[in-house]
Amino acid sequence: MKKAKKLLYSQKIAPYVFVVPFVLSLLIFWLYPLVSGISMSFQDVSFGGMKWVGLKHFKKLLGDKVFRIAVGNSLEYMVLTLLLMVPIPMLLAVLLESRLTKAKGVWKVIMYIPALTSVVISGLLFRLMFSEGDNGQLNVIMNALGKASQPWLRSKSTGWCALLLLCVWRWTGVNILYYVAGLKAIDTSLYESGDIDGANGWQKFRYITLPLLKPTTVYVVTISVFAGLSMFLESFMIWGGNGSPKNIGLTIVGYLYRRGIEKNEMGYACAVGVVLMVIALVINFVQLIATGTFHIGKKKED
């Protein structure tokens, strides 16, 4: 007992004891599912067992038109959300931290509240808002202006407006907080030096704020890439299922769900998941190199 107690309270052993729960959760809930998913992508999975089929599912994906639509939708959604969810939160964060804004804490809370709302509830609200019935909020406005009701969610242009508005409404506040944290890390003496040199607001933003916010921007872009490519539930709720008209709201994860859950083709669904993982890793790897965050090879010493 004394030896066991002494071992438990050992300063050499204690760090490993604290790390064990994290390591176990990583192995059980991340590494094992990852390896299993990759393995299943090379197999036909059924209730009777598994059968190794090699590259069959990946070859089938090459000729799958619906899969190409899903990939195109996911990439388009990712690009559009990046164009919205990086510059807008950055500018709003700068505005919130400026001397012009009063009650900064109140505004931060107001902007963050939508992120606390469930995706299911948020998607349902936007679905009702863009409903093609006369009682949909947008059609109520249209009717008040003397216009006929519109089937908003049957067209890609208007349906995607609902999808992107939902994204901006829910996540702008979160990204604002990231940028606010980045702004607080900037030394105020740099702005004072800019004032002494006669720099205006735009020049201080361009030459001080923007470069020093680079680490925050890289982080926001990285998580936005993964979030954009893995989007599913928002589309599922807005269109009331995984069957949007002409697949205008179908994403890669939605297609994975369709083949794996709805059609019980788990091997094929895992192949879709592997392709999604590769796409996400390649895009983020490229953007990390482009931003100078990740360097290939050794830096040349001056």
Protein backbone atom coordinates (compact mmCIF):
# COMPACT_ATOMS: atom_id res chain seq x y z
CA MET A 1 0.00 0.00 0.00
CA LYS A 2 2.77 2.43 0.94
CA LYS A 3 4.61 1.75 -2.31
CA ALA A 4 1.41 2.24 -4.33
CA LYS A 5 0.62 5.48 -2.50
CA LYS A 6 4.17 6.71 -2.95
CA LEU A 7 4.03 5.86 -6.64
CA LEU A 8 0.69 7.69 -7.00
CA TYR A 9 2.04 10.88 -5.44
CA SER A 10 5.34 10.73 -7.31
CA GLN A 11 6.16 13.95 -9.16
CA LYS A 12 7.52 11.88 -12.05
CA ILE A 13 4.37 9.78 -12.42
CA ALA A 14 1.76 12.50 -11.76
CA PRO A 15 2.08 14.27 -15.17
CA TYR A 16 1.46 10.99 -16.99
CA VAL A 17 -1.58 10.26 -14.81
CA PHE A 18 -3.13 13.60 -15.78
CA VAL A 19 -2.38 13.02 -19.48
CA VAL A 20 -3.84 9.49 -19.59
CA PRO A 21 -7.55 10.55 -19.89
CA PHE A 22 -6.74 12.81 -22.86
CA VAL A 23 -4.66 10.12 -24.56
CA LEU A 24 -7.36 7.49 -24.05
CA SER A 25 -10.12 9.77 -25.38
CA LEU A 26 -7.94 10.64 -28.38
CA LEU A 27 -7.30 6.98 -29.15
CA ILE A 28 -10.89 5.82 -28.58
CA PHE A 29 -12.89 8.69 -30.09
CA TRP A 30 -10.53 9.97 -32.82
CA LEU A 31 -7.77 7.60 -33.88
CA TYR A 32 -9.81 4.37 -33.78
CA PRO A 33 -12.78 5.80 -35.77
CA LEU A 34 -10.33 7.37 -38.26
CA VAL A 35 -8.48 4.10 -38.89
CA SER A 36 -11.77 2.15 -38.98
CA GLY A 37 -13.31 4.59 -41.46
CA ILE A 38 -10.31 4.43 -43.79
CA SER A 39 -10.33 0.62 -43.57
CA MET A 40 -14.08 0.42 -44.27
CA SER A 41 -13.69 2.59 -47.39
CA PHE A 42 -11.94 -0.40 -49.00
CA GLN A 43 -14.68 -2.84 -47.99
CA ASP A 44 -18.32 -3.66 -48.65
CA VAL A 45 -20.02 -3.43 -45.27
CA SER A 46 -23.23 -5.33 -44.55
CA PHE A 47 -24.98 -6.98 -41.62
CA GLY A 48 -23.43 -10.26 -42.69
CA GLY A 49 -19.89 -8.96 -42.40
CA MET A 50 -17.28 -7.14 -44.44
CA LYS A 51 -15.77 -7.97 -47.80
CA TRP A 52 -12.53 -6.42 -49.09
CA VAL A 53 -13.13 -4.72 -52.46
CA GLY A 54 -9.99 -2.60 -52.82
CA LEU A 55 -10.43 0.66 -54.77
CA LYS A 56 -13.93 -0.21 -56.00
CA HIS A 57 -15.68 2.60 -54.10
CA PHE A 58 -13.13 5.23 -55.11
CA LYS A 59 -13.41 4.24 -58.78
CA LYS A 60 -17.18 4.49 -58.48
CA LEU A 61 -16.84 7.98 -57.00
CA LEU A 62 -14.99 9.18 -60.11
CA GLY A 63 -18.09 8.58 -62.23
CA ASP A 64 -20.66 9.65 -59.61
CA LYS A 65 -22.36 12.82 -60.90
CA VAL A 66 -24.25 13.43 -57.66
CA PHE A 67 -21.00 13.23 -55.70
CA ARG A 68 -19.46 15.85 -58.00
CA ILE A 69 -22.46 18.11 -57.35
CA ALA A 70 -22.00 17.64 -53.60
CA VAL A 71 -18.27 18.44 -53.82
CA GLY A 72 -18.98 21.53 -55.92
CA ASN A 73 -21.61 22.74 -53.44
CA SER A 74 -19.31 22.22 -50.46
CA LEU A 75 -16.40 24.02 -52.10
CA GLU A 76 -18.64 26.89 -53.18
CA TYR A 77 -20.12 27.19 -49.70
CA MET A 78 -16.63 27.14 -48.16
CA VAL A 79 -15.38 29.94 -50.44
CA LEU A 80 -18.46 32.12 -49.90
CA THR A 81 -18.34 31.70 -46.12
CA LEU A 82 -14.64 32.59 -46.13
CA LEU A 83 -15.43 35.79 -48.05
CA LEU A 84 -18.08 36.66 -45.48
CA MET A 85 -16.74 35.27 -42.20
CA VAL A 86 -13.21 36.69 -42.31
CA PRO A 87 -13.45 40.38 -43.35
CA ILE A 88 -16.82 41.18 -41.75
CA PRO A 89 -15.95 39.95 -38.20
CA MET A 90 -12.51 41.58 -38.49
CA LEU A 91 -13.95 44.99 -39.34
CA LEU A 92 -16.67 44.68 -36.69
CA ALA A 93 -14.06 43.73 -34.08
CA VAL A 94 -11.96 46.79 -35.00
CA LEU A 95 -15.09 48.94 -34.72
CA LEU A 96 -16.02 47.42 -31.36
CA GLU A 97 -12.54 48.11 -29.97
CA SER A 98 -12.43 51.66 -31.30
CA ARG A 99 -13.08 54.75 -29.20
CA LEU A 100 -16.28 55.43 -31.15
CA THR A 101 -18.12 52.45 -29.63
CA LYS A 102 -19.84 52.76 -26.28
CA ALA A 103 -21.05 49.84 -24.12
CA LYS A 104 -18.62 47.44 -25.81
CA GLY A 105 -19.49 44.54 -23.51
CA VAL A 106 -23.19 44.82 -24.37
CA TRP A 107 -22.50 44.72 -28.11
CA LYS A 108 -20.21 41.69 -27.72
CA VAL A 109 -22.92 39.81 -25.85
CA ILE A 110 -25.54 40.72 -28.46
CA MET A 111 -23.29 39.56 -31.30
CA TYR A 112 -22.42 36.29 -29.54
CA ILE A 113 -25.96 35.25 -28.50
CA PRO A 114 -26.86 33.64 -31.90
CA ALA A 115 -23.97 31.17 -31.47
CA LEU A 116 -25.73 29.81 -28.38
CA THR A 117 -28.79 28.91 -30.45
CA SER A 118 -29.11 25.29 -31.58
CA VAL A 119 -28.44 24.67 -35.29
CA VAL A 120 -31.75 22.78 -35.42
CA ILE A 121 -33.71 25.74 -34.05
CA SER A 122 -31.81 28.25 -36.18
CA GLY A 123 -32.32 26.21 -39.35
CA LEU A 124 -36.02 25.80 -38.62
CA LEU A 125 -36.43 29.56 -38.09
CA PHE A 126 -34.74 30.37 -41.41
CA ARG A 127 -36.80 27.68 -43.15
CA LEU A 128 -39.99 29.33 -41.87
CA MET A 129 -38.64 32.74 -42.83
CA PHE A 130 -37.97 31.60 -46.43
CA SER A 131 -41.09 29.44 -46.64
CA GLU A 132 -42.86 29.49 -50.02
CA GLY A 133 -46.25 29.73 -48.29
CA ASP A 134 -48.04 33.05 -47.85
CA ASN A 135 -47.28 32.96 -44.12
CA GLY A 136 -43.49 32.96 -44.62
CA GLN A 137 -41.94 36.21 -43.36
CA LEU A 138 -40.39 37.14 -46.69
CA ASN A 139 -43.61 36.37 -48.58
CA VAL A 140 -45.58 38.43 -46.06
CA ILE A 141 -43.32 41.36 -46.99
CA MET A 142 -43.68 40.56 -50.70
CA ASN A 143 -47.46 40.45 -50.41
CA ALA A 144 -47.47 43.76 -48.51
CA LEU A 145 -45.55 45.28 -51.43
CA GLY A 146 -48.10 43.90 -53.88
CA LYS A 147 -45.86 41.09 -55.15
CA ALA A 148 -46.69 37.40 -55.45
CA SER A 149 -45.27 34.84 -53.03
CA GLN A 150 -42.00 33.26 -54.13
CA PRO A 151 -40.70 29.68 -53.73
CA TRP A 152 -37.44 30.90 -52.18
CA LEU A 153 -35.95 27.51 -51.35
CA ARG A 154 -36.55 25.99 -54.80
CA SER A 155 -33.95 28.24 -56.45
CA LYS A 156 -30.23 27.96 -55.73
CA SER A 157 -29.65 31.73 -55.66
CA THR A 158 -32.34 32.49 -53.07
CA GLY A 159 -31.94 29.18 -51.22
CA TRP A 160 -28.25 29.82 -50.74
CA CYS A 161 -29.05 33.33 -49.48
CA ALA A 162 -30.89 31.63 -46.63
CA LEU A 163 -27.97 29.25 -46.06
CA LEU A 164 -25.35 32.03 -46.00
CA LEU A 165 -27.47 34.36 -43.88
CA LEU A 166 -27.82 31.57 -41.33
CA CYS A 167 -24.05 31.11 -41.27
CA VAL A 168 -23.38 34.84 -40.88
CA TRP A 169 -26.05 35.23 -38.20
CA ARG A 170 -24.76 32.34 -36.09
CA TRP A 171 -20.98 32.61 -36.39
CA THR A 172 -20.12 36.29 -36.87
CA GLY A 173 -20.10 36.87 -33.10
CA VAL A 174 -17.72 33.96 -32.51
CA ASN A 175 -15.21 35.22 -35.07
CA ILE A 176 -15.53 38.74 -33.66
CA LEU A 177 -14.36 37.45 -30.28
CA TYR A 178 -11.35 35.79 -31.92
CA TYR A 179 -10.40 39.07 -33.56
CA VAL A 180 -11.04 41.06 -30.38
CA ALA A 181 -8.59 38.76 -28.59
CA GLY A 182 -6.08 39.33 -31.39
CA LEU A 183 -6.54 43.12 -31.19
CA LYS A 184 -5.94 43.13 -27.44
CA ALA A 185 -2.59 41.41 -28.01
CA ILE A 186 -1.36 44.33 -30.16
CA ASP A 187 0.83 46.81 -28.28
CA THR A 188 -0.98 50.18 -28.11
CA SER A 189 2.37 51.98 -28.34
CA LEU A 190 2.46 51.04 -32.03
CA TYR A 191 -0.71 53.07 -32.64
CA GLU A 192 0.73 55.94 -30.61
CA SER A 193 3.83 55.86 -32.81
CA GLY A 194 1.56 55.93 -35.85
CA ASP A 195 -0.20 59.00 -34.49
CA ILE A 196 3.14 60.72 -33.98
CA ASP A 197 4.13 59.92 -37.57
CA GLY A 198 0.83 61.37 -38.82
CA ALA A 199 -0.77 58.10 -39.92
CA ASN A 200 -4.53 58.19 -40.48
CA GLY A 201 -7.00 55.47 -39.46
CA TRP A 202 -6.73 53.53 -42.72
CA GLN A 203 -2.93 53.57 -42.65
CA LYS A 204 -2.83 52.31 -39.06
CA PHE A 205 -5.26 49.53 -39.96
CA ARG A 206 -3.29 48.53 -43.05
CA TYR A 207 0.25 48.69 -41.66
CA ILE A 208 -0.30 47.83 -37.98
CA THR A 209 -3.61 46.05 -37.36
CA LEU A 210 -3.82 43.86 -40.45
CA PRO A 211 -0.27 42.39 -40.29
CA LEU A 212 -0.42 41.79 -36.53
CA LEU A 213 -3.80 40.05 -36.86
CA LYS A 214 -2.28 37.49 -39.24
CA PRO A 215 -2.12 34.65 -36.65
CA THR A 216 -5.78 35.21 -35.76
CA THR A 217 -6.76 35.36 -39.44
CA VAL A 218 -4.90 32.11 -40.19
CA TYR A 219 -6.74 30.41 -37.32
CA VAL A 220 -10.14 31.77 -38.43
CA VAL A 221 -9.52 30.70 -42.03
CA THR A 222 -8.43 27.22 -40.91
CA ILE A 223 -11.51 26.54 -38.81
CA SER A 224 -13.74 28.14 -41.47
CA VAL A 225 -12.39 25.77 -44.13
CA PHE A 226 -13.23 22.74 -42.01
CA ALA A 227 -16.62 24.20 -41.02
CA GLY A 228 -17.50 25.02 -44.63
CA LEU A 229 -16.58 21.60 -45.98
CA SER A 230 -18.32 19.73 -43.13
CA MET A 231 -21.57 21.72 -43.25
CA PHE A 232 -24.63 19.46 -43.21
CA LEU A 233 -27.19 20.14 -40.50
CA GLU A 234 -27.88 23.72 -41.63
CA SER A 235 -28.80 22.53 -45.12
CA PHE A 236 -30.74 19.58 -43.71
CA MET A 237 -32.90 21.86 -41.54
CA ILE A 238 -33.48 24.61 -44.12
CA TRP A 239 -34.69 22.16 -46.78
CA GLY A 240 -36.46 19.93 -44.27
CA GLY A 241 -34.36 16.89 -45.11
CA ASN A 242 -31.50 15.71 -47.28
CA GLY A 243 -33.43 15.99 -50.53
CA SER A 244 -33.23 19.61 -51.70
CA PRO A 245 -34.60 20.42 -55.20
CA LYS A 246 -32.08 19.32 -57.86
CA ASN A 247 -29.58 18.74 -55.01
CA ILE A 248 -28.93 22.50 -54.69
CA GLY A 249 -28.30 22.09 -50.95
CA LEU A 250 -26.50 18.74 -51.04
CA THR A 251 -23.03 18.79 -49.46
CA ILE A 252 -20.31 16.15 -49.15
CA VAL A 253 -21.41 15.27 -45.61
CA GLY A 254 -25.03 15.22 -46.80
CA TYR A 255 -24.08 12.77 -49.54
CA LEU A 256 -22.17 10.67 -47.00
CA TYR A 257 -25.32 10.60 -44.85
CA ARG A 258 -27.45 9.66 -47.88
CA ARG A 259 -25.29 6.72 -48.90
CA GLY A 260 -24.35 5.52 -45.43
CA ILE A 261 -27.53 6.02 -43.39
CA GLU A 262 -30.35 6.28 -45.91
CA LYS A 263 -29.08 3.62 -48.35
CA ASN A 264 -26.99 1.57 -45.89
CA GLU A 265 -23.84 1.66 -48.05
CA MET A 266 -21.35 2.25 -45.26
CA GLY A 267 -18.29 1.26 -47.29
CA TYR A 268 -19.15 3.75 -50.02
CA ALA A 269 -19.99 6.41 -47.40
CA CYS A 270 -16.59 5.90 -45.76
CA ALA A 271 -14.93 6.43 -49.15
CA VAL A 272 -16.80 9.75 -49.40
CA GLY A 273 -15.55 10.63 -45.91
CA VAL A 274 -11.95 9.82 -46.83
CA VAL A 275 -12.18 12.08 -49.89
CA LEU A 276 -13.63 14.86 -47.71
CA MET A 277 -10.74 14.50 -45.26
CA VAL A 278 -8.16 14.65 -48.06
CA ILE A 279 -9.79 17.74 -49.62
CA ALA A 280 -9.87 19.55 -46.25
CA LEU A 281 -6.25 18.67 -45.45
CA VAL A 282 -4.99 19.72 -48.90
CA ILE A 283 -6.83 23.07 -48.81
CA ASN A 284 -5.61 23.91 -45.32
CA PHE A 285 -2.08 22.74 -46.11
CA VAL A 286 -2.00 25.04 -49.15
CA GLN A 287 -3.35 28.04 -47.23
CA LEU A 288 -0.85 27.50 -44.40
CA ILE A 289 2.01 27.50 -46.92
CA ALA A 290 0.55 30.52 -48.77
CA THR A 291 0.32 32.54 -45.56
CA GLY A 292 3.83 31.58 -44.49
CA THR A 293 2.59 29.77 -41.39
CA PHE A 294 4.07 26.46 -42.52
CA HIS A 295 7.47 26.30 -44.21
CA ILE A 296 8.79 23.44 -46.32
CA GLY A 297 12.47 22.90 -45.61
CA LYS A 298 14.76 25.09 -43.57
CA LYS A 299 14.68 28.87 -43.61
CA LYS A 300 17.67 30.57 -45.05
CA GLU A 301 19.59 32.44 -42.41
CA ASP A 302 20.37 36.07 -43.13
